């Protein structure tokens, strides 16, 4: 019984050898770039005004 276990590779053992960039599919890298670009955008003035109004009501 134990010999059968030793012959089968552990689930996900190959992906553990790869770095994070190598195991991500191409679409995931594009999604990460899009997310990073949106996060880096400045907050619009209208949104800042809305947040200020909401803070005053609290």
PDB file of N, CA and C in Angstrom:
ATOM      1  N   UNK A   1       0.799  -1.197   0.000  1.00  0.00           N
ATOM      2  CA  UNK A   1       0.000   0.000   0.000  1.00  0.00           C
ATOM      3  C   UNK A   1       0.846   1.267   0.000  1.00  0.00           C
ATOM      4  N   UNK A   2       1.858   1.314   0.800  1.00  0.00           N
ATOM      5  CA  UNK A   2       2.673   2.519   0.870  1.00  0.00           C
ATOM      6  C   UNK A   2       3.457   2.741  -0.407  1.00  0.00           C
ATOM      7  N   UNK A   3       3.790   1.655  -1.141  1.00  0.00           N
ATOM      8  CA  UNK A   3       4.537   1.829  -2.385  1.00  0.00           C
ATOM      9  C   UNK A   3       3.700   2.561  -3.428  1.00  0.00           C
ATOM     10  N   UNK A   4       2.375   2.349  -3.422  1.00  0.00           N
ATOM     11  CA  UNK A   4       1.500   3.064  -4.344  1.00  0.00           C
ATOM     12  C   UNK A   4       1.500   4.552  -4.053  1.00  0.00           C
ATOM     13  N   UNK A   5       1.501   4.910  -2.797  1.00  0.00           N
ATOM     14  CA  UNK A   5       1.517   6.324  -2.422  1.00  0.00           C
ATOM     15  C   UNK A   5       2.812   6.984  -2.865  1.00  0.00           C
ATOM     16  N   UNK A   6       3.914   6.279  -2.716  1.00  0.00           N
ATOM     17  CA  UNK A   6       5.199   6.852  -3.077  1.00  0.00           C
ATOM     18  C   UNK A   6       5.342   7.066  -4.575  1.00  0.00           C
ATOM     19  N   UNK A   7       4.655   6.258  -5.385  1.00  0.00           N
ATOM     20  CA  UNK A   7       4.751   6.385  -6.823  1.00  0.00           C
ATOM     21  C   UNK A   7       3.961   7.578  -7.345  1.00  0.00           C
ATOM     22  N   UNK A   8       2.876   7.935  -6.676  1.00  0.00           N
ATOM     23  CA  UNK A   8       2.048   9.053  -7.115  1.00  0.00           C
ATOM     24  C   UNK A   8       2.642  10.358  -6.602  1.00  0.00           C
ATOM     25  N   UNK A   9       2.807  11.325  -7.478  1.00  0.00           N
ATOM     26  CA  UNK A   9       3.304  12.622  -6.990  1.00  0.00           C
ATOM     27  C   UNK A   9       2.225  13.310  -6.164  1.00  0.00           C
ATOM     28  N   UNK A  10       2.647  14.087  -5.210  1.00  0.00           N
ATOM     29  CA  UNK A  10       1.704  14.815  -4.375  1.00  0.00           C
ATOM     30  C   UNK A  10       0.970  15.826  -5.225  1.00  0.00           C
ATOM     31  N   UNK A  11      -0.284  16.017  -4.906  1.00  0.00           N
ATOM     32  CA  UNK A  11      -1.098  16.979  -5.637  1.00  0.00           C
ATOM     33  C   UNK A  11      -0.512  18.375  -5.446  1.00  0.00           C
ATOM     34  N   UNK A  12      -0.232  19.057  -6.550  1.00  0.00           N
ATOM     35  CA  UNK A  12       0.304  20.403  -6.490  1.00  0.00           C
ATOM     36  C   UNK A  12       1.798  20.469  -6.234  1.00  0.00           C
ATOM     37  N   UNK A  13       2.477  19.330  -6.208  1.00  0.00           N
ATOM     38  CA  UNK A  13       3.906  19.363  -5.908  1.00  0.00           C
ATOM     39  C   UNK A  13       4.695  20.065  -7.006  1.00  0.00           C
ATOM     40  N   UNK A  14       4.257  19.929  -8.263  1.00  0.00           N
ATOM     41  CA  UNK A  14       4.959  20.602  -9.354  1.00  0.00           C
ATOM     42  C   UNK A  14       4.798  22.108  -9.270  1.00  0.00           C
ATOM     43  N   UNK A  15       3.611  22.584  -8.901  1.00  0.00           N
ATOM     44  CA  UNK A  15       3.382  24.017  -8.840  1.00  0.00           C
ATOM     45  C   UNK A  15       4.160  24.657  -7.702  1.00  0.00           C
ATOM     46  N   UNK A  16       4.486  23.875  -6.678  1.00  0.00           N
ATOM     47  CA  UNK A  16       5.272  24.409  -5.574  1.00  0.00           C
ATOM     48  C   UNK A  16       6.689  24.742  -6.019  1.00  0.00           C
ATOM     49  N   UNK A  17       7.184  24.047  -7.046  1.00  0.00           N
ATOM     50  CA  UNK A  17       8.535  24.282  -7.531  1.00  0.00           C
ATOM     51  C   UNK A  17       8.613  25.558  -8.356  1.00  0.00           C
ATOM     52  N   UNK A  18       7.484  25.991  -8.934  1.00  0.00           N
ATOM     53  CA  UNK A  18       7.454  27.178  -9.771  1.00  0.00           C
ATOM     54  C   UNK A  18       7.317  28.419  -8.907  1.00  0.00           C
ATOM     55  N   UNK A  19       7.765  29.531  -9.446  1.00  0.00           N
ATOM     56  CA  UNK A  19       7.577  30.787  -8.737  1.00  0.00           C
ATOM     57  C   UNK A  19       6.161  31.265  -8.972  1.00  0.00           C
ATOM     58  N   UNK A  20       5.727  32.263  -8.231  1.00  0.00           N
ATOM     59  CA  UNK A  20       4.370  32.782  -8.358  1.00  0.00           C
ATOM     60  C   UNK A  20       4.052  33.271  -9.758  1.00  0.00           C
ATOM     61  N   UNK A  21       5.005  33.919 -10.423  1.00  0.00           N
ATOM     62  CA  UNK A  21       4.774  34.431 -11.775  1.00  0.00           C
ATOM     63  C   UNK A  21       4.593  33.298 -12.768  1.00  0.00           C
ATOM     64  N   UNK A  22       5.325  32.228 -12.633  1.00  0.00           N
ATOM     65  CA  UNK A  22       5.266  31.143 -13.603  1.00  0.00           C
ATOM     66  C   UNK A  22       3.967  30.362 -13.520  1.00  0.00           C
ATOM     67  N   UNK A  23       3.373  30.246 -12.347  1.00  0.00           N
ATOM     68  CA  UNK A  23       2.178  29.427 -12.232  1.00  0.00           C
ATOM     69  C   UNK A  23       0.895  30.210 -12.504  1.00  0.00           C
ATOM     70  N   UNK A  24       0.962  31.532 -12.613  1.00  0.00           N
ATOM     71  CA  UNK A  24      -0.217  32.325 -12.941  1.00  0.00           C
ATOM     72  C   UNK A  24      -0.507  32.236 -14.429  1.00  0.00           C
ATOM     73  N   UNK A  25      -1.769  32.083 -14.788  1.00  0.00           N
ATOM     74  CA  UNK A  25      -2.106  32.116 -16.219  1.00  0.00           C
ATOM     75  C   UNK A  25      -1.935  33.544 -16.758  1.00  0.00           C
ATOM     76  N   UNK A  26      -1.828  33.655 -18.061  1.00  0.00           N
ATOM     77  CA  UNK A  26      -1.585  34.954 -18.686  1.00  0.00           C
ATOM     78  C   UNK A  26      -2.680  35.968 -18.347  1.00  0.00           C
ATOM     79  N   UNK A  27      -3.936  35.527 -18.330  1.00  0.00           N
ATOM     80  CA  UNK A  27      -5.035  36.459 -18.043  1.00  0.00           C
ATOM     81  C   UNK A  27      -4.929  37.017 -16.636  1.00  0.00           C
ATOM     82  N   UNK A  28      -4.371  36.242 -15.719  1.00  0.00           N
ATOM     83  CA  UNK A  28      -4.239  36.716 -14.339  1.00  0.00           C
ATOM     84  C   UNK A  28      -3.224  37.848 -14.259  1.00  0.00           C
ATOM     85  N   UNK A  29      -2.163  37.752 -15.038  1.00  0.00           N
ATOM     86  CA  UNK A  29      -1.171  38.832 -15.055  1.00  0.00           C
ATOM     87  C   UNK A  29      -1.782  40.115 -15.611  1.00  0.00           C
ATOM     88  N   UNK A  30      -2.592  39.987 -16.668  1.00  0.00           N
ATOM     89  CA  UNK A  30      -3.259  41.159 -17.238  1.00  0.00           C
ATOM     90  C   UNK A  30      -4.235  41.780 -16.252  1.00  0.00           C
ATOM     91  N   UNK A  31      -4.961  40.933 -15.535  1.00  0.00           N
ATOM     92  CA  UNK A  31      -5.901  41.423 -14.535  1.00  0.00           C
ATOM     93  C   UNK A  31      -5.165  42.144 -13.409  1.00  0.00           C
ATOM     94  N   UNK A  32      -4.034  41.607 -13.005  1.00  0.00           N
ATOM     95  CA  UNK A  32      -3.230  42.247 -11.953  1.00  0.00           C
ATOM     96  C   UNK A  32      -2.735  43.617 -12.416  1.00  0.00           C
ATOM     97  N   UNK A  33      -2.299  43.721 -13.663  1.00  0.00           N
ATOM     98  CA  UNK A  33      -1.835  45.003 -14.197  1.00  0.00           C
ATOM     99  C   UNK A  33      -2.969  46.024 -14.239  1.00  0.00           C
ATOM    100  N   UNK A  34      -4.155  45.583 -14.656  1.00  0.00           N
ATOM    101  CA  UNK A  34      -5.312  46.471 -14.690  1.00  0.00           C
ATOM    102  C   UNK A  34      -5.663  46.954 -13.291  1.00  0.00           C
ATOM    103  N   UNK A  35      -5.685  46.044 -12.337  1.00  0.00           N
ATOM    104  CA  UNK A  35      -5.998  46.396 -10.955  1.00  0.00           C
ATOM    105  C   UNK A  35      -4.990  47.407 -10.416  1.00  0.00           C
ATOM    106  N   UNK A  36      -3.704  47.146 -10.647  1.00  0.00           N
ATOM    107  CA  UNK A  36      -2.664  48.056 -10.168  1.00  0.00           C
ATOM    108  C   UNK A  36      -2.817  49.446 -10.775  1.00  0.00           C
ATOM    109  N   UNK A  37      -3.178  49.511 -12.073  1.00  0.00           N
ATOM    110  CA  UNK A  37      -3.358  50.799 -12.740  1.00  0.00           C
ATOM    111  C   UNK A  37      -4.525  51.568 -12.131  1.00  0.00           C
ATOM    112  N   UNK A  38      -5.611  50.875 -11.813  1.00  0.00           N
ATOM    113  CA  UNK A  38      -6.782  51.530 -11.227  1.00  0.00           C
ATOM    114  C   UNK A  38      -6.462  52.018  -9.815  1.00  0.00           C
ATOM    115  N   UNK A  39      -5.754  51.224  -9.056  1.00  0.00           N
ATOM    116  CA  UNK A  39      -5.411  51.604  -7.684  1.00  0.00           C
ATOM    117  C   UNK A  39      -4.532  52.848  -7.672  1.00  0.00           C
ATOM    118  N   UNK A  40      -3.669  52.994  -8.661  1.00  0.00           N
ATOM    119  CA  UNK A  40      -2.747  54.132  -8.717  1.00  0.00           C
ATOM    120  C   UNK A  40      -3.410  55.422  -9.206  1.00  0.00           C
ATOM    121  N   UNK A  41      -4.621  55.341  -9.767  1.00  0.00           N
ATOM    122  CA  UNK A  41      -5.308  56.532 -10.252  1.00  0.00           C
ATOM    123  C   UNK A  41      -5.685  57.425  -9.077  1.00  0.00           C
ATOM    124  N   UNK A  42      -5.605  58.742  -9.281  1.00  0.00           N
ATOM    125  CA  UNK A  42      -6.000  59.643  -8.195  1.00  0.00           C
ATOM    126  C   UNK A  42      -7.511  59.613  -7.972  1.00  0.00           C
ATOM    127  N   UNK A  43      -7.920  59.924  -6.765  1.00  0.00           N
ATOM    128  CA  UNK A  43      -9.333  59.960  -6.413  1.00  0.00           C
ATOM    129  C   UNK A  43      -9.973  61.191  -7.057  1.00  0.00           C
ATOM    130  N   UNK A  44     -11.070  61.022  -7.787  1.00  0.00           N
ATOM    131  CA  UNK A  44     -11.718  62.183  -8.421  1.00  0.00           C
ATOM    132  C   UNK A  44     -12.218  63.181  -7.374  1.00  0.00           C
ATOM    133  N   UNK A  45     -12.216  64.476  -7.742  1.00  0.00           N
ATOM    134  CA  UNK A  45     -12.659  65.529  -6.818  1.00  0.00           C
ATOM    135  C   UNK A  45     -14.105  65.323  -6.378  1.00  0.00           C
ATOM    136  N   UNK A  46     -14.955  64.875  -7.292  1.00  0.00           N
ATOM    137  CA  UNK A  46     -16.360  64.668  -6.924  1.00  0.00           C
ATOM    138  C   UNK A  46     -16.491  63.595  -5.850  1.00  0.00           C
ATOM    139  N   UNK A  47     -15.653  62.603  -5.908  1.00  0.00           N
ATOM    140  CA  UNK A  47     -15.689  61.549  -4.901  1.00  0.00           C
ATOM    141  C   UNK A  47     -15.162  62.071  -3.572  1.00  0.00           C
ATOM    142  N   UNK A  48     -14.121  62.902  -3.629  1.00  0.00           N
ATOM    143  CA  UNK A  48     -13.587  63.508  -2.400  1.00  0.00           C
ATOM    144  C   UNK A  48     -14.648  64.380  -1.746  1.00  0.00           C
ATOM    145  N   UNK A  49     -15.394  65.149  -2.561  1.00  0.00           N
ATOM    146  CA  UNK A  49     -16.455  66.006  -2.030  1.00  0.00           C
ATOM    147  C   UNK A  49     -17.548  65.173  -1.361  1.00  0.00           C
ATOM    148  N   UNK A  50     -17.936  64.096  -2.011  1.00  0.00           N
ATOM    149  CA  UNK A  50     -18.958  63.213  -1.456  1.00  0.00           C
ATOM    150  C   UNK A  50     -18.501  62.633  -0.115  1.00  0.00           C
ATOM    151  N   UNK A  51     -17.263  62.194  -0.041  1.00  0.00           N
ATOM    152  CA  UNK A  51     -16.743  61.655   1.226  1.00  0.00           C
ATOM    153  C   UNK A  51     -16.727  62.721   2.319  1.00  0.00           C
ATOM    154  N   UNK A  52     -16.383  63.957   1.952  1.00  0.00           N
ATOM    155  CA  UNK A  52     -16.364  65.045   2.929  1.00  0.00           C
ATOM    156  C   UNK A  52     -17.770  65.311   3.453  1.00  0.00           C
ATOM    157  N   UNK A  53     -18.764  65.301   2.555  1.00  0.00           N
ATOM    158  CA  UNK A  53     -20.160  65.506   2.990  1.00  0.00           C
ATOM    159  C   UNK A  53     -20.613  64.394   3.921  1.00  0.00           C
ATOM    160  N   UNK A  54     -20.254  63.167   3.601  1.00  0.00           N
ATOM    161  CA  UNK A  54     -20.634  62.041   4.452  1.00  0.00           C
ATOM    162  C   UNK A  54     -19.958  62.121   5.814  1.00  0.00           C
ATOM    163  N   UNK A  55     -18.718  62.589   5.848  1.00  0.00           N
ATOM    164  CA  UNK A  55     -18.016  62.736   7.131  1.00  0.00           C
ATOM    165  C   UNK A  55     -18.684  63.792   8.002  1.00  0.00           C
ATOM    166  N   UNK A  56     -19.188  64.876   7.400  1.00  0.00           N
ATOM    167  CA  UNK A  56     -19.830  65.951   8.159  1.00  0.00           C
ATOM    168  C   UNK A  56     -21.141  65.480   8.797  1.00  0.00           C
ATOM    169  N   UNK A  57     -21.840  64.555   8.131  1.00  0.00           N
ATOM    170  CA  UNK A  57     -23.107  64.061   8.666  1.00  0.00           C
ATOM    171  C   UNK A  57     -22.901  63.125   9.842  1.00  0.00           C
ATOM    172  N   UNK A  58     -21.739  62.552   9.991  1.00  0.00           N
ATOM    173  CA  UNK A  58     -21.497  61.580  11.068  1.00  0.00           C
ATOM    174  C   UNK A  58     -21.345  62.217  12.404  1.00  0.00           C
TER     175      UNK A  58
END
